[in-house]
């Protein structure tokens, strides 16, 4: 993925995007953990949440590798 457009954004906007992706990953992990503990997730729901977490993490790593 070409990230040159992202790199041209002001640093404050880049930070906002990366922080938002970090927050999305963290919230997804917390939701998944809570749902697993309570047993309230169907397999399809768990798969969807895991996919969302994976996509957000991949985007985050493209824009700001650790």
PDB file of N, CA and C in Angstrom:
ATOM      1  N   UNK A   1       0.848  -1.176   0.000  1.00  0.00           N
ATOM      2  CA  UNK A   1       0.000   0.000   0.000  1.00  0.00           C
ATOM      3  C   UNK A   1       0.893   1.239   0.000  1.00  0.00           C
ATOM      4  N   UNK A   2       0.557   2.178  -0.865  1.00  0.00           N
ATOM      5  CA  UNK A   2       1.294   3.433  -0.941  1.00  0.00           C
ATOM      6  C   UNK A   2       0.870   4.328   0.219  1.00  0.00           C
ATOM      7  N   UNK A   3       1.808   4.684   1.066  1.00  0.00           N
ATOM      8  CA  UNK A   3       1.490   5.531   2.218  1.00  0.00           C
ATOM      9  C   UNK A   3       2.031   6.948   2.055  1.00  0.00           C
ATOM     10  N   UNK A   4       2.491   7.292   0.859  1.00  0.00           N
ATOM     11  CA  UNK A   4       3.067   8.624   0.662  1.00  0.00           C
ATOM     12  C   UNK A   4       2.041   9.724   0.933  1.00  0.00           C
ATOM     13  N   UNK A   5       0.781   9.466   0.598  1.00  0.00           N
ATOM     14  CA  UNK A   5      -0.264  10.461   0.882  1.00  0.00           C
ATOM     15  C   UNK A   5      -0.390  10.689   2.380  1.00  0.00           C
ATOM     16  N   UNK A   6      -0.271   9.627   3.157  1.00  0.00           N
ATOM     17  CA  UNK A   6      -0.377   9.734   4.610  1.00  0.00           C
ATOM     18  C   UNK A   6       0.805  10.522   5.165  1.00  0.00           C
ATOM     19  N   UNK A   7       1.973  10.247   4.640  1.00  0.00           N
ATOM     20  CA  UNK A   7       3.186  10.910   5.114  1.00  0.00           C
ATOM     21  C   UNK A   7       3.185  12.406   4.811  1.00  0.00           C
ATOM     22  N   UNK A   8       2.380  12.835   3.846  1.00  0.00           N
ATOM     23  CA  UNK A   8       2.294  14.262   3.520  1.00  0.00           C
ATOM     24  C   UNK A   8       1.327  15.013   4.432  1.00  0.00           C
ATOM     25  N   UNK A   9       0.539  14.290   5.197  1.00  0.00           N
ATOM     26  CA  UNK A   9      -0.384  14.938   6.129  1.00  0.00           C
ATOM     27  C   UNK A   9       0.402  15.588   7.265  1.00  0.00           C
ATOM     28  N   UNK A  10      -0.165  16.609   7.884  1.00  0.00           N
ATOM     29  CA  UNK A  10       0.501  17.197   9.052  1.00  0.00           C
ATOM     30  C   UNK A  10       0.725  16.133  10.132  1.00  0.00           C
ATOM     31  N   UNK A  11       1.801  16.284  10.862  1.00  0.00           N
ATOM     32  CA  UNK A  11       2.155  15.305  11.891  1.00  0.00           C
ATOM     33  C   UNK A  11       1.040  15.119  12.914  1.00  0.00           C
ATOM     34  N   UNK A  12       0.335  16.188  13.243  1.00  0.00           N
ATOM     35  CA  UNK A  12      -0.753  16.084  14.224  1.00  0.00           C
ATOM     36  C   UNK A  12      -1.881  15.190  13.705  1.00  0.00           C
ATOM     37  N   UNK A  13      -2.145  15.237  12.399  1.00  0.00           N
ATOM     38  CA  UNK A  13      -3.185  14.389  11.808  1.00  0.00           C
ATOM     39  C   UNK A  13      -2.712  12.938  11.773  1.00  0.00           C
ATOM     40  N   UNK A  14      -1.458  12.727  11.424  1.00  0.00           N
ATOM     41  CA  UNK A  14      -0.905  11.373  11.426  1.00  0.00           C
ATOM     42  C   UNK A  14      -1.035  10.754  12.816  1.00  0.00           C
ATOM     43  N   UNK A  15      -0.692  11.535  13.836  1.00  0.00           N
ATOM     44  CA  UNK A  15      -0.772  11.038  15.217  1.00  0.00           C
ATOM     45  C   UNK A  15      -2.213  10.719  15.583  1.00  0.00           C
ATOM     46  N   UNK A  16      -3.134  11.565  15.172  1.00  0.00           N
ATOM     47  CA  UNK A  16      -4.549  11.344  15.452  1.00  0.00           C
ATOM     48  C   UNK A  16      -5.032  10.027  14.839  1.00  0.00           C
ATOM     49  N   UNK A  17      -4.633   9.768  13.606  1.00  0.00           N
ATOM     50  CA  UNK A  17      -5.032   8.534  12.920  1.00  0.00           C
ATOM     51  C   UNK A  17      -4.429   7.316  13.612  1.00  0.00           C
ATOM     52  N   UNK A  18      -3.133   7.366  13.892  1.00  0.00           N
ATOM     53  CA  UNK A  18      -2.452   6.230  14.522  1.00  0.00           C
ATOM     54  C   UNK A  18      -3.014   5.982  15.922  1.00  0.00           C
ATOM     55  N   UNK A  19      -3.230   7.049  16.676  1.00  0.00           N
ATOM     56  CA  UNK A  19      -3.809   6.895  18.018  1.00  0.00           C
ATOM     57  C   UNK A  19      -5.207   6.291  17.937  1.00  0.00           C
ATOM     58  N   UNK A  20      -5.988   6.704  16.941  1.00  0.00           N
ATOM     59  CA  UNK A  20      -7.328   6.152  16.761  1.00  0.00           C
ATOM     60  C   UNK A  20      -7.293   4.669  16.434  1.00  0.00           C
ATOM     61  N   UNK A  21      -6.355   4.271  15.590  1.00  0.00           N
ATOM     62  CA  UNK A  21      -6.216   2.851  15.263  1.00  0.00           C
ATOM     63  C   UNK A  21      -5.758   2.055  16.482  1.00  0.00           C
ATOM     64  N   UNK A  22      -4.835   2.622  17.259  1.00  0.00           N
ATOM     65  CA  UNK A  22      -4.406   1.964  18.499  1.00  0.00           C
ATOM     66  C   UNK A  22      -5.596   1.761  19.436  1.00  0.00           C
ATOM     67  N   UNK A  23      -6.422   2.796  19.569  1.00  0.00           N
ATOM     68  CA  UNK A  23      -7.591   2.721  20.448  1.00  0.00           C
ATOM     69  C   UNK A  23      -8.589   1.687  19.939  1.00  0.00           C
ATOM     70  N   UNK A  24      -8.753   1.614  18.620  1.00  0.00           N
ATOM     71  CA  UNK A  24      -9.677   0.639  18.044  1.00  0.00           C
ATOM     72  C   UNK A  24      -9.212  -0.790  18.308  1.00  0.00           C
ATOM     73  N   UNK A  25      -7.922  -1.019  18.168  1.00  0.00           N
ATOM     74  CA  UNK A  25      -7.368  -2.349  18.448  1.00  0.00           C
ATOM     75  C   UNK A  25      -7.573  -2.692  19.920  1.00  0.00           C
ATOM     76  N   UNK A  26      -7.244  -1.769  20.804  1.00  0.00           N
ATOM     77  CA  UNK A  26      -7.379  -2.018  22.244  1.00  0.00           C
ATOM     78  C   UNK A  26      -8.830  -2.282  22.630  1.00  0.00           C
ATOM     79  N   UNK A  27      -9.748  -1.476  22.109  1.00  0.00           N
ATOM     80  CA  UNK A  27     -11.169  -1.660  22.425  1.00  0.00           C
ATOM     81  C   UNK A  27     -11.668  -3.005  21.907  1.00  0.00           C
ATOM     82  N   UNK A  28     -11.220  -3.391  20.739  1.00  0.00           N
ATOM     83  CA  UNK A  28     -11.619  -4.685  20.186  1.00  0.00           C
ATOM     84  C   UNK A  28     -11.107  -5.840  21.022  1.00  0.00           C
ATOM     85  N   UNK A  29      -9.857  -5.738  21.468  1.00  0.00           N
ATOM     86  CA  UNK A  29      -9.289  -6.792  22.318  1.00  0.00           C
ATOM     87  C   UNK A  29     -10.043  -6.899  23.642  1.00  0.00           C
ATOM     88  N   UNK A  30     -10.386  -5.749  24.223  1.00  0.00           N
ATOM     89  CA  UNK A  30     -11.134  -5.753  25.484  1.00  0.00           C
ATOM     90  C   UNK A  30     -12.527  -6.349  25.292  1.00  0.00           C
ATOM     91  N   UNK A  31     -13.189  -5.967  24.214  1.00  0.00           N
ATOM     92  CA  UNK A  31     -14.529  -6.486  23.929  1.00  0.00           C
ATOM     93  C   UNK A  31     -14.478  -7.996  23.718  1.00  0.00           C
ATOM     94  N   UNK A  32     -13.495  -8.449  22.985  1.00  0.00           N
ATOM     95  CA  UNK A  32     -13.340  -9.874  22.723  1.00  0.00           C
ATOM     96  C   UNK A  32     -13.075 -10.634  24.016  1.00  0.00           C
ATOM     97  N   UNK A  33     -12.210 -10.100  24.863  1.00  0.00           N
ATOM     98  CA  UNK A  33     -11.882 -10.742  26.133  1.00  0.00           C
ATOM     99  C   UNK A  33     -13.114 -10.843  27.035  1.00  0.00           C
ATOM    100  N   UNK A  34     -13.857  -9.740  27.153  1.00  0.00           N
ATOM    101  CA  UNK A  34     -15.059  -9.739  27.991  1.00  0.00           C
ATOM    102  C   UNK A  34     -16.103 -10.719  27.468  1.00  0.00           C
ATOM    103  N   UNK A  35     -16.285 -10.735  26.165  1.00  0.00           N
ATOM    104  CA  UNK A  35     -17.285 -11.618  25.573  1.00  0.00           C
ATOM    105  C   UNK A  35     -16.892 -13.087  25.727  1.00  0.00           C
ATOM    106  N   UNK A  36     -15.608 -13.380  25.605  1.00  0.00           N
ATOM    107  CA  UNK A  36     -15.151 -14.760  25.791  1.00  0.00           C
ATOM    108  C   UNK A  36     -15.391 -15.211  27.228  1.00  0.00           C
ATOM    109  N   UNK A  37     -15.126 -14.318  28.184  1.00  0.00           N
ATOM    110  CA  UNK A  37     -15.334 -14.659  29.594  1.00  0.00           C
ATOM    111  C   UNK A  37     -16.798 -14.916  29.903  1.00  0.00           C
ATOM    112  N   UNK A  38     -17.675 -14.128  29.303  1.00  0.00           N
ATOM    113  CA  UNK A  38     -19.108 -14.278  29.584  1.00  0.00           C
ATOM    114  C   UNK A  38     -19.767 -15.319  28.688  1.00  0.00           C
ATOM    115  N   UNK A  39     -19.073 -15.734  27.641  1.00  0.00           N
ATOM    116  CA  UNK A  39     -19.635 -16.721  26.728  1.00  0.00           C
ATOM    117  C   UNK A  39     -20.775 -16.171  25.884  1.00  0.00           C
ATOM    118  N   UNK A  40     -20.790 -14.860  25.670  1.00  0.00           N
ATOM    119  CA  UNK A  40     -21.915 -14.237  24.981  1.00  0.00           C
ATOM    120  C   UNK A  40     -21.705 -14.043  23.481  1.00  0.00           C
ATOM    121  N   UNK A  41     -20.651 -14.608  22.927  1.00  0.00           N
ATOM    122  CA  UNK A  41     -20.377 -14.414  21.504  1.00  0.00           C
ATOM    123  C   UNK A  41     -20.635 -15.678  20.704  1.00  0.00           C
ATOM    124  N   UNK A  42     -21.291 -15.496  19.574  1.00  0.00           N
ATOM    125  CA  UNK A  42     -21.394 -16.582  18.607  1.00  0.00           C
ATOM    126  C   UNK A  42     -20.064 -16.636  17.855  1.00  0.00           C
ATOM    127  N   UNK A  43     -19.780 -17.759  17.241  1.00  0.00           N
ATOM    128  CA  UNK A  43     -18.521 -17.928  16.512  1.00  0.00           C
ATOM    129  C   UNK A  43     -18.377 -16.853  15.434  1.00  0.00           C
ATOM    130  N   UNK A  44     -19.463 -16.548  14.739  1.00  0.00           N
ATOM    131  CA  UNK A  44     -19.415 -15.543  13.674  1.00  0.00           C
ATOM    132  C   UNK A  44     -19.068 -14.164  14.226  1.00  0.00           C
ATOM    133  N   UNK A  45     -19.621 -13.840  15.387  1.00  0.00           N
ATOM    134  CA  UNK A  45     -19.330 -12.548  16.011  1.00  0.00           C
ATOM    135  C   UNK A  45     -17.865 -12.465  16.426  1.00  0.00           C
ATOM    136  N   UNK A  46     -17.365 -13.537  17.004  1.00  0.00           N
ATOM    137  CA  UNK A  46     -15.966 -13.570  17.422  1.00  0.00           C
ATOM    138  C   UNK A  46     -15.053 -13.414  16.210  1.00  0.00           C
ATOM    139  N   UNK A  47     -15.372 -14.108  15.138  1.00  0.00           N
ATOM    140  CA  UNK A  47     -14.577 -14.014  13.916  1.00  0.00           C
ATOM    141  C   UNK A  47     -14.593 -12.594  13.360  1.00  0.00           C
ATOM    142  N   UNK A  48     -15.750 -11.947  13.399  1.00  0.00           N
ATOM    143  CA  UNK A  48     -15.869 -10.573  12.898  1.00  0.00           C
ATOM    144  C   UNK A  48     -15.032  -9.611  13.734  1.00  0.00           C
ATOM    145  N   UNK A  49     -15.092  -9.739  15.046  1.00  0.00           N
ATOM    146  CA  UNK A  49     -14.309  -8.862  15.927  1.00  0.00           C
ATOM    147  C   UNK A  49     -12.818  -9.088  15.703  1.00  0.00           C
ATOM    148  N   UNK A  50     -12.416 -10.342  15.602  1.00  0.00           N
ATOM    149  CA  UNK A  50     -11.005 -10.646  15.358  1.00  0.00           C
ATOM    150  C   UNK A  50     -10.540 -10.064  14.023  1.00  0.00           C
ATOM    151  N   UNK A  51     -11.407 -10.123  13.007  1.00  0.00           N
ATOM    152  CA  UNK A  51     -11.073  -9.542  11.707  1.00  0.00           C
ATOM    153  C   UNK A  51     -10.919  -8.033  11.788  1.00  0.00           C
ATOM    154  N   UNK A  52     -11.813  -7.385  12.535  1.00  0.00           N
ATOM    155  CA  UNK A  52     -11.725  -5.930  12.720  1.00  0.00           C
ATOM    156  C   UNK A  52     -10.418  -5.548  13.409  1.00  0.00           C
ATOM    157  N   UNK A  53     -10.061  -6.308  14.432  1.00  0.00           N
ATOM    158  CA  UNK A  53      -8.816  -6.047  15.165  1.00  0.00           C
ATOM    159  C   UNK A  53      -7.621  -6.213  14.229  1.00  0.00           C
ATOM    160  N   UNK A  54      -7.630  -7.279  13.466  1.00  0.00           N
ATOM    161  CA  UNK A  54      -6.523  -7.561  12.550  1.00  0.00           C
ATOM    162  C   UNK A  54      -6.373  -6.447  11.499  1.00  0.00           C
ATOM    163  N   UNK A  55      -7.493  -6.014  10.916  1.00  0.00           N
ATOM    164  CA  UNK A  55      -7.435  -4.959   9.898  1.00  0.00           C
ATOM    165  C   UNK A  55      -6.939  -3.633  10.483  1.00  0.00           C
ATOM    166  N   UNK A  56      -7.415  -3.277  11.660  1.00  0.00           N
ATOM    167  CA  UNK A  56      -6.971  -2.031  12.301  1.00  0.00           C
ATOM    168  C   UNK A  56      -5.480  -2.106  12.627  1.00  0.00           C
ATOM    169  N   UNK A  57      -5.027  -3.259  13.105  1.00  0.00           N
ATOM    170  CA  UNK A  57      -3.607  -3.426  13.436  1.00  0.00           C
ATOM    171  C   UNK A  57      -2.740  -3.362  12.179  1.00  0.00           C
ATOM    172  N   UNK A  58      -3.211  -3.960  11.087  1.00  0.00           N
ATOM    173  CA  UNK A  58      -2.457  -3.916   9.833  1.00  0.00           C
ATOM    174  C   UNK A  58      -2.332  -2.481   9.322  1.00  0.00           C
ATOM    175  N   UNK A  59      -3.426  -1.742   9.369  1.00  0.00           N
ATOM    176  CA  UNK A  59      -3.385  -0.336   8.951  1.00  0.00           C
ATOM    177  C   UNK A  59      -2.430   0.463   9.818  1.00  0.00           C
ATOM    178  N   UNK A  60      -2.519   0.251  11.105  1.00  0.00           N
ATOM    179  CA  UNK A  60      -1.659   0.971  12.047  1.00  0.00           C
ATOM    180  C   UNK A  60      -0.189   0.701  11.728  1.00  0.00           C
ATOM    181  N   UNK A  61       0.131  -0.544  11.441  1.00  0.00           N
ATOM    182  CA  UNK A  61       1.516  -0.907  11.151  1.00  0.00           C
ATOM    183  C   UNK A  61       1.991  -0.358   9.810  1.00  0.00           C
ATOM    184  N   UNK A  62       1.087  -0.199   8.861  1.00  0.00           N
ATOM    185  CA  UNK A  62       1.470   0.403   7.577  1.00  0.00           C
ATOM    186  C   UNK A  62       1.800   1.879   7.741  1.00  0.00           C
ATOM    187  N   UNK A  63       1.015   2.552   8.557  1.00  0.00           N
ATOM    188  CA  UNK A  63       1.190   3.989   8.719  1.00  0.00           C
ATOM    189  C   UNK A  63       2.300   4.343   9.698  1.00  0.00           C
ATOM    190  N   UNK A  64       2.502   3.533  10.707  1.00  0.00           N
ATOM    191  CA  UNK A  64       3.508   3.841  11.726  1.00  0.00           C
ATOM    192  C   UNK A  64       4.065   2.544  12.295  1.00  0.00           C
ATOM    193  N   UNK A  65       4.982   1.914  11.566  1.00  0.00           N
ATOM    194  CA  UNK A  65       5.549   0.653  12.064  1.00  0.00           C
ATOM    195  C   UNK A  65       6.174   0.828  13.444  1.00  0.00           C
ATOM    196  N   UNK A  66       6.038  -0.203  14.237  1.00  0.00           N
ATOM    197  CA  UNK A  66       6.561  -0.156  15.613  1.00  0.00           C
ATOM    198  C   UNK A  66       8.069  -0.135  15.638  1.00  0.00           C
TER     199      UNK A  66
END
